[in-house]
């Protein structure tokens, strides 16, 4: 009788441990979901910046009629 009681209480402890582990798993999963949502949010924040940079670069390139004009101003003879 005493043996069965002790084994039963051990089973209860194991079950409580399993429940705790499951709750930990759920918590970890929720943490992963939260992290993923943060990543998505961060990516969405980056999109307008990337768009504005690409537009600026395009305007910079298209407004410059001669991109090699600075190269011709470099002296060909070495200055001693």
Protein backbone atom coordinates (compact mmCIF):
# COMPACT_ATOMS: atom_id res chain seq x y z
CA UNK A 1 0.00 0.00 0.00
CA UNK A 2 2.72 2.36 0.98
CA UNK A 3 4.68 1.52 -2.17
CA UNK A 4 1.72 2.25 -4.45
CA UNK A 5 1.12 5.56 -2.70
CA UNK A 6 4.74 6.62 -3.14
CA UNK A 7 4.78 5.56 -6.78
CA UNK A 8 1.52 7.43 -7.31
CA UNK A 9 2.97 10.60 -5.78
CA UNK A 10 6.03 10.17 -8.03
CA UNK A 11 3.73 9.93 -11.02
CA UNK A 12 2.04 13.13 -9.89
CA UNK A 13 5.41 14.85 -9.65
CA UNK A 14 6.30 13.58 -13.13
CA UNK A 15 2.96 14.80 -14.47
CA UNK A 16 3.45 18.22 -12.88
CA UNK A 17 6.94 18.35 -14.38
CA UNK A 18 5.49 17.45 -17.80
CA UNK A 19 2.89 20.19 -17.45
CA UNK A 20 5.59 22.65 -16.47
CA UNK A 21 7.75 21.58 -19.43
CA UNK A 22 4.78 21.96 -21.75
CA UNK A 23 4.11 25.44 -20.41
CA UNK A 24 7.79 26.25 -20.98
CA UNK A 25 7.48 25.00 -24.56
CA UNK A 26 4.38 27.14 -25.08
CA UNK A 27 6.18 30.14 -23.61
CA UNK A 28 9.20 29.52 -25.85
CA UNK A 29 6.93 29.22 -28.88
CA UNK A 30 5.20 32.47 -27.99
CA UNK A 31 8.63 34.06 -27.60
CA UNK A 32 9.58 32.78 -31.07
CA UNK A 33 6.35 34.20 -32.51
CA UNK A 34 7.05 37.52 -30.82
CA UNK A 35 10.61 37.54 -32.18
CA UNK A 36 9.31 36.76 -35.68
CA UNK A 37 6.79 39.59 -35.41
CA UNK A 38 9.62 41.89 -34.34
CA UNK A 39 11.65 40.79 -37.37
CA UNK A 40 8.67 41.45 -39.66
CA UNK A 41 8.13 44.85 -38.07
CA UNK A 42 11.82 45.71 -38.42
CA UNK A 43 11.76 44.59 -42.07
CA UNK A 44 8.72 46.75 -42.74
CA UNK A 45 10.54 49.68 -41.13
CA UNK A 46 13.47 49.10 -43.49
CA UNK A 47 11.31 49.11 -46.65
CA UNK A 48 10.59 52.88 -46.82
CA UNK A 49 14.26 53.64 -46.15
CA UNK A 50 15.37 51.28 -48.91
CA UNK A 51 12.85 52.80 -51.31
CA UNK A 52 13.96 56.35 -50.52
CA UNK A 53 17.64 55.44 -50.90
CA UNK A 54 17.05 53.80 -54.28
CA UNK A 55 15.07 56.84 -55.46
CA UNK A 56 17.83 59.19 -54.31
CA UNK A 57 20.48 57.11 -56.06
CA UNK A 58 18.42 57.05 -59.23
CA UNK A 59 18.00 60.83 -59.17
CA UNK A 60 21.70 61.29 -58.47
CA UNK A 61 22.70 59.09 -61.40
CA UNK A 62 20.13 60.48 -63.83
CA UNK A 63 20.89 64.14 -62.96
CA UNK A 64 24.63 63.69 -63.57
CA UNK A 65 25.07 64.12 -67.33
CA UNK A 66 28.75 63.12 -67.39
CA UNK A 67 29.71 60.69 -64.62
CA UNK A 68 33.34 60.59 -65.80
CA UNK A 69 33.89 64.37 -65.75
CA UNK A 70 35.90 64.13 -62.52
CA UNK A 71 38.26 61.55 -64.04
CA UNK A 72 39.46 63.89 -66.80
CA UNK A 73 40.47 66.54 -64.24
CA UNK A 74 43.09 64.22 -62.69
CA UNK A 75 46.56 65.18 -63.99
CA UNK A 76 48.15 62.50 -66.14
CA UNK A 77 51.73 63.57 -65.36
CA UNK A 78 53.00 62.67 -61.89
CA UNK A 79 53.58 65.71 -59.71
CA UNK A 80 57.09 65.65 -58.20
